[in-house]
Amino acid sequence: MPDFSISPGGFGLGLKASNAYIKLLVLEEYQTCASKGGLGNTIGFHYVNLVYNATS
């Protein structure tokens, strides 16, 4: 994992960040064996709140 509290320098230079509140999101589509044919796809959405580069 990159350390966003230290500026890496170079091309595409971004801002430094500590205690950054972010969300990790996963969106998935799947099909169970219960449905026959191509119908019945299910979409799942999950997320978790994170504090990146926490200093306290």
C-alpha atoms as a PDB file:
ATOM      1  CA  MET A   1       0.000   0.000   0.000  1.00  0.00           C
ATOM      2  CA  PRO A   2       1.350   3.428  -0.855  1.00  0.00           C
ATOM      3  CA  ASP A   3       2.072   5.863   1.951  1.00  0.00           C
ATOM      4  CA  PHE A   4       0.045   8.946   1.006  1.00  0.00           C
ATOM      5  CA  SER A   5       1.577  11.007   3.830  1.00  0.00           C
ATOM      6  CA  ILE A   6       4.815  11.200   1.792  1.00  0.00           C
ATOM      7  CA  SER A   7       4.822  12.944  -1.590  1.00  0.00           C
ATOM      8  CA  PRO A   8       6.325  10.550  -4.186  1.00  0.00           C
ATOM      9  CA  GLY A   9       7.305  13.353  -6.610  1.00  0.00           C
ATOM     10  CA  GLY A  10       7.523  12.988 -10.360  1.00  0.00           C
ATOM     11  CA  PHE A  11       4.831  12.940 -13.044  1.00  0.00           C
ATOM     12  CA  GLY A  12       1.224  12.900 -11.814  1.00  0.00           C
ATOM     13  CA  LEU A  13       2.124  14.374  -8.444  1.00  0.00           C
ATOM     14  CA  GLY A  14      -0.798  14.187  -6.030  1.00  0.00           C
ATOM     15  CA  LEU A  15      -1.554  15.659  -2.638  1.00  0.00           C
ATOM     16  CA  LYS A  16      -0.337  14.242   0.665  1.00  0.00           C
ATOM     17  CA  ALA A  17      -3.049  12.730   2.890  1.00  0.00           C
ATOM     18  CA  SER A  18      -3.305  11.427   6.436  1.00  0.00           C
ATOM     19  CA  ASN A  19      -6.486  10.186   8.138  1.00  0.00           C
ATOM     20  CA  ALA A  20      -8.157   9.964   4.718  1.00  0.00           C
ATOM     21  CA  TYR A  21     -11.744   8.661   4.947  1.00  0.00           C
ATOM     22  CA  ILE A  22     -12.445   6.398   1.962  1.00  0.00           C
ATOM     23  CA  LYS A  23     -14.909   3.664   1.001  1.00  0.00           C
ATOM     24  CA  LEU A  24     -13.917   0.354  -0.564  1.00  0.00           C
ATOM     25  CA  LEU A  25     -16.729  -0.754  -2.904  1.00  0.00           C
ATOM     26  CA  VAL A  26     -17.391  -4.108  -4.579  1.00  0.00           C
ATOM     27  CA  LEU A  27     -20.136  -4.577  -7.162  1.00  0.00           C
ATOM     28  CA  GLU A  28     -20.646  -8.121  -8.418  1.00  0.00           C
ATOM     29  CA  GLU A  29     -23.077  -9.917 -10.678  1.00  0.00           C
ATOM     30  CA  TYR A  30     -23.673 -13.630 -10.364  1.00  0.00           C
ATOM     31  CA  GLN A  31     -26.165 -16.323 -11.323  1.00  0.00           C
ATOM     32  CA  THR A  32     -27.381 -19.206  -9.189  1.00  0.00           C
ATOM     33  CA  CYS A  33     -28.230 -22.679 -10.445  1.00  0.00           C
ATOM     34  CA  ALA A  34     -31.828 -22.222  -9.249  1.00  0.00           C
ATOM     35  CA  SER A  35     -32.786 -20.181 -12.320  1.00  0.00           C
ATOM     36  CA  LYS A  36     -33.027 -21.915 -15.684  1.00  0.00           C
ATOM     37  CA  GLY A  37     -31.697 -20.160 -18.762  1.00  0.00           C
ATOM     38  CA  GLY A  38     -30.085 -16.747 -18.960  1.00  0.00           C
ATOM     39  CA  LEU A  39     -32.546 -14.944 -16.682  1.00  0.00           C
ATOM     40  CA  GLY A  40     -32.181 -14.421 -12.971  1.00  0.00           C
ATOM     41  CA  ASN A  41     -28.828 -12.679 -12.586  1.00  0.00           C
ATOM     42  CA  THR A  42     -28.286 -11.210  -9.136  1.00  0.00           C
ATOM     43  CA  ILE A  43     -26.291  -8.077  -8.339  1.00  0.00           C
ATOM     44  CA  GLY A  44     -24.533  -7.672  -5.006  1.00  0.00           C
ATOM     45  CA  PHE A  45     -23.151  -4.420  -3.636  1.00  0.00           C
ATOM     46  CA  HIS A  46     -20.897  -4.322  -0.582  1.00  0.00           C
ATOM     47  CA  TYR A  47     -18.806  -1.557   0.961  1.00  0.00           C
ATOM     48  CA  VAL A  48     -16.662  -0.864   3.988  1.00  0.00           C
ATOM     49  CA  ASN A  49     -15.531   2.474   5.458  1.00  0.00           C
ATOM     50  CA  LEU A  50     -11.761   2.845   5.911  1.00  0.00           C
ATOM     51  CA  VAL A  51      -9.394   5.403   7.429  1.00  0.00           C
ATOM     52  CA  TYR A  52      -6.233   5.355   5.318  1.00  0.00           C
ATOM     53  CA  ASN A  53      -2.886   6.437   6.837  1.00  0.00           C
ATOM     54  CA  ALA A  54      -4.443   6.781  10.290  1.00  0.00           C
ATOM     55  CA  THR A  55      -2.219   8.708  12.664  1.00  0.00           C
ATOM     56  CA  SER A  56      -4.230   8.213  15.839  1.00  0.00           C
END
